[in-house]
Amino acid sequence: MGLFDELKRRARHVLGPFLGIVVVAYFVYHTVHGERGVLAYVQMREHVADARGNLNRLQAEQKFWEHRVKLLYPASIDRDMLDERVRLMLGYARADDIVIIVDAVQTSEQIEGEPR
């Protein structure tokens, strides 16, 4: 029984520090990888940056379309804009117009002349 008693005595000295290390490792792991850890924080910041980029893009597109619609208000109608819309919607062209047939599906950026 001498060996068993010796192991038991040594286990008492090792068990406390071992449990302490395990507890500290648990908290360190969850600080980095946990639901609210450092990696989750970094990932959330990337999502926020992407969302802000999308918001800015959509706000610019909204301003573009609001301006186009404002040009068609009866109180401040722009004759050029009205002429453009009538021709587009009704398919009219003047005798001196040059007609170029393009794809039917175009985005507002392509219509305004920006490259694909």
C-alpha atoms as a PDB file:
ATOM      1  CA  MET A   1       0.000   0.000   0.000  1.00  0.00           C
ATOM      2  CA  GLY A   2       2.964   2.276   0.038  1.00  0.00           C
ATOM      3  CA  LEU A   3       2.748   3.088  -3.675  1.00  0.00           C
ATOM      4  CA  PHE A   4      -0.970   3.896  -3.525  1.00  0.00           C
ATOM      5  CA  ASP A   5      -0.462   6.227  -0.544  1.00  0.00           C
ATOM      6  CA  GLU A   6       2.405   7.986  -2.338  1.00  0.00           C
ATOM      7  CA  LEU A   7       0.263   8.539  -5.481  1.00  0.00           C
ATOM      8  CA  LYS A   8      -2.606   9.819  -3.362  1.00  0.00           C
ATOM      9  CA  ARG A   9      -0.321  12.300  -1.564  1.00  0.00           C
ATOM     10  CA  ARG A  10       1.158  13.591  -4.842  1.00  0.00           C
ATOM     11  CA  ALA A  11      -2.282  13.830  -6.486  1.00  0.00           C
ATOM     12  CA  ARG A  12      -3.355  16.284  -3.781  1.00  0.00           C
ATOM     13  CA  HIS A  13      -0.493  18.603  -4.718  1.00  0.00           C
ATOM     14  CA  VAL A  14      -1.121  18.302  -8.479  1.00  0.00           C
ATOM     15  CA  LEU A  15      -4.929  18.336  -8.554  1.00  0.00           C
ATOM     16  CA  GLY A  16      -5.362  21.968  -7.392  1.00  0.00           C
ATOM     17  CA  PRO A  17      -3.029  23.553  -9.996  1.00  0.00           C
ATOM     18  CA  PHE A  18      -4.391  21.226 -12.696  1.00  0.00           C
ATOM     19  CA  LEU A  19      -7.984  22.298 -12.013  1.00  0.00           C
ATOM     20  CA  GLY A  20      -6.863  25.938 -11.966  1.00  0.00           C
ATOM     21  CA  ILE A  21      -5.216  25.550 -15.367  1.00  0.00           C
ATOM     22  CA  VAL A  22      -8.321  23.855 -16.760  1.00  0.00           C
ATOM     23  CA  VAL A  23     -10.597  26.660 -15.513  1.00  0.00           C
ATOM     24  CA  VAL A  24      -8.302  29.366 -16.909  1.00  0.00           C
ATOM     25  CA  ALA A  25      -8.064  27.522 -20.253  1.00  0.00           C
ATOM     26  CA  TYR A  26     -11.869  27.282 -20.381  1.00  0.00           C
ATOM     27  CA  PHE A  27     -12.297  31.029 -19.923  1.00  0.00           C
ATOM     28  CA  VAL A  28      -9.504  31.889 -22.361  1.00  0.00           C
ATOM     29  CA  TYR A  29     -11.017  29.630 -25.020  1.00  0.00           C
ATOM     30  CA  HIS A  30     -14.457  31.193 -24.643  1.00  0.00           C
ATOM     31  CA  THR A  31     -12.987  34.696 -24.589  1.00  0.00           C
ATOM     32  CA  VAL A  32     -11.569  34.063 -28.055  1.00  0.00           C
ATOM     33  CA  HIS A  33     -14.022  31.603 -29.642  1.00  0.00           C
ATOM     34  CA  GLY A  34     -17.210  32.118 -27.650  1.00  0.00           C
ATOM     35  CA  GLU A  35     -20.516  33.561 -28.792  1.00  0.00           C
ATOM     36  CA  ARG A  36     -19.383  36.998 -27.605  1.00  0.00           C
ATOM     37  CA  GLY A  37     -15.674  36.435 -27.974  1.00  0.00           C
ATOM     38  CA  VAL A  38     -13.000  38.268 -29.909  1.00  0.00           C
ATOM     39  CA  LEU A  39     -13.583  36.391 -33.178  1.00  0.00           C
ATOM     40  CA  ALA A  40     -17.336  37.038 -32.994  1.00  0.00           C
ATOM     41  CA  TYR A  41     -16.599  40.735 -32.413  1.00  0.00           C
ATOM     42  CA  VAL A  42     -14.338  40.922 -35.462  1.00  0.00           C
ATOM     43  CA  GLN A  43     -16.905  39.109 -37.598  1.00  0.00           C
ATOM     44  CA  MET A  44     -19.671  41.440 -36.385  1.00  0.00           C
ATOM     45  CA  ARG A  45     -17.579  44.497 -37.296  1.00  0.00           C
ATOM     46  CA  GLU A  46     -17.151  43.097 -40.821  1.00  0.00           C
ATOM     47  CA  HIS A  47     -20.914  42.591 -41.113  1.00  0.00           C
ATOM     48  CA  VAL A  48     -21.526  46.153 -39.950  1.00  0.00           C
ATOM     49  CA  ALA A  49     -19.016  47.506 -42.486  1.00  0.00           C
ATOM     50  CA  ASP A  50     -20.711  45.529 -45.287  1.00  0.00           C
ATOM     51  CA  ALA A  51     -24.127  46.750 -44.183  1.00  0.00           C
ATOM     52  CA  ARG A  52     -22.928  50.379 -44.140  1.00  0.00           C
ATOM     53  CA  GLY A  53     -21.521  49.955 -47.644  1.00  0.00           C
ATOM     54  CA  ASN A  54     -24.840  48.578 -48.856  1.00  0.00           C
ATOM     55  CA  LEU A  55     -26.685  51.405 -47.118  1.00  0.00           C
ATOM     56  CA  ASN A  56     -24.521  54.046 -48.805  1.00  0.00           C
ATOM     57  CA  ARG A  57     -24.986  52.414 -52.198  1.00  0.00           C
ATOM     58  CA  LEU A  58     -28.746  52.165 -51.761  1.00  0.00           C
ATOM     59  CA  GLN A  59     -29.007  55.762 -50.532  1.00  0.00           C
ATOM     60  CA  ALA A  60     -27.134  56.973 -53.600  1.00  0.00           C
ATOM     61  CA  GLU A  61     -29.442  54.951 -55.844  1.00  0.00           C
ATOM     62  CA  GLN A  62     -32.464  56.339 -53.990  1.00  0.00           C
ATOM     63  CA  LYS A  63     -31.248  59.918 -54.508  1.00  0.00           C
ATOM     64  CA  PHE A  64     -30.724  59.201 -58.193  1.00  0.00           C
ATOM     65  CA  TRP A  65     -34.277  57.931 -58.638  1.00  0.00           C
ATOM     66  CA  GLU A  66     -35.785  60.687 -56.472  1.00  0.00           C
ATOM     67  CA  HIS A  67     -34.107  63.256 -58.704  1.00  0.00           C
ATOM     68  CA  ARG A  68     -35.420  61.545 -61.836  1.00  0.00           C
ATOM     69  CA  VAL A  69     -38.953  61.440 -60.427  1.00  0.00           C
ATOM     70  CA  LYS A  70     -38.746  65.058 -59.271  1.00  0.00           C
ATOM     71  CA  LEU A  71     -38.022  66.101 -62.850  1.00  0.00           C
ATOM     72  CA  LEU A  72     -41.412  64.668 -63.833  1.00  0.00           C
ATOM     73  CA  TYR A  73     -43.485  66.569 -61.213  1.00  0.00           C
ATOM     74  CA  PRO A  74     -46.165  68.728 -62.867  1.00  0.00           C
ATOM     75  CA  ALA A  75     -44.988  71.877 -61.050  1.00  0.00           C
ATOM     76  CA  SER A  76     -41.399  71.558 -62.252  1.00  0.00           C
ATOM     77  CA  ILE A  77     -41.531  69.301 -65.274  1.00  0.00           C
ATOM     78  CA  ASP A  78     -38.395  69.068 -67.354  1.00  0.00           C
ATOM     79  CA  ARG A  79     -39.311  68.947 -71.033  1.00  0.00           C
ATOM     80  CA  ASP A  80     -36.248  66.898 -71.954  1.00  0.00           C
ATOM     81  CA  MET A  81     -37.041  64.308 -69.278  1.00  0.00           C
ATOM     82  CA  LEU A  82     -40.675  64.166 -70.404  1.00  0.00           C
ATOM     83  CA  ASP A  83     -39.593  63.747 -74.035  1.00  0.00           C
ATOM     84  CA  GLU A  84     -37.175  60.980 -73.034  1.00  0.00           C
ATOM     85  CA  ARG A  85     -39.815  59.104 -71.034  1.00  0.00           C
ATOM     86  CA  VAL A  86     -42.469  59.432 -73.772  1.00  0.00           C
ATOM     87  CA  ARG A  87     -40.100  58.069 -76.385  1.00  0.00           C
ATOM     88  CA  LEU A  88     -38.978  55.233 -74.150  1.00  0.00           C
ATOM     89  CA  MET A  89     -42.474  54.205 -73.062  1.00  0.00           C
ATOM     90  CA  LEU A  90     -44.190  54.593 -76.428  1.00  0.00           C
ATOM     91  CA  GLY A  91     -41.274  53.608 -78.644  1.00  0.00           C
ATOM     92  CA  TYR A  92     -41.290  56.846 -80.611  1.00  0.00           C
ATOM     93  CA  ALA A  93     -38.324  58.349 -82.421  1.00  0.00           C
ATOM     94  CA  ARG A  94     -37.837  61.475 -84.494  1.00  0.00           C
ATOM     95  CA  ALA A  95     -36.805  61.329 -88.114  1.00  0.00           C
ATOM     96  CA  ASP A  96     -33.281  62.564 -87.317  1.00  0.00           C
ATOM     97  CA  ASP A  97     -32.713  60.133 -84.390  1.00  0.00           C
ATOM     98  CA  ILE A  98     -30.228  57.307 -84.657  1.00  0.00           C
ATOM     99  CA  VAL A  99     -31.687  54.182 -83.055  1.00  0.00           C
ATOM    100  CA  ILE A 100     -29.330  51.654 -81.450  1.00  0.00           C
ATOM    101  CA  ILE A 101     -30.897  48.410 -80.245  1.00  0.00           C
ATOM    102  CA  VAL A 102     -29.365  47.075 -77.016  1.00  0.00           C
ATOM    103  CA  ASP A 103     -30.173  44.334 -74.507  1.00  0.00           C
ATOM    104  CA  ALA A 104     -33.568  44.755 -72.875  1.00  0.00           C
ATOM    105  CA  VAL A 105     -32.180  44.235 -69.363  1.00  0.00           C
ATOM    106  CA  GLN A 106     -30.068  47.153 -68.197  1.00  0.00           C
ATOM    107  CA  THR A 107     -29.380  48.704 -64.818  1.00  0.00           C
ATOM    108  CA  SER A 108     -29.675  52.405 -64.113  1.00  0.00           C
ATOM    109  CA  GLU A 109     -25.862  52.705 -64.093  1.00  0.00           C
ATOM    110  CA  GLN A 110     -25.643  51.247 -67.604  1.00  0.00           C
ATOM    111  CA  ILE A 111     -28.358  53.577 -68.900  1.00  0.00           C
ATOM    112  CA  GLU A 112     -26.475  56.579 -67.504  1.00  0.00           C
ATOM    113  CA  GLY A 113     -23.344  55.591 -69.402  1.00  0.00           C
ATOM    114  CA  GLU A 114     -21.204  53.885 -66.770  1.00  0.00           C
ATOM    115  CA  PRO A 115     -19.373  50.762 -68.011  1.00  0.00           C
ATOM    116  CA  ARG A 116     -20.395  47.294 -66.886  1.00  0.00           C
END
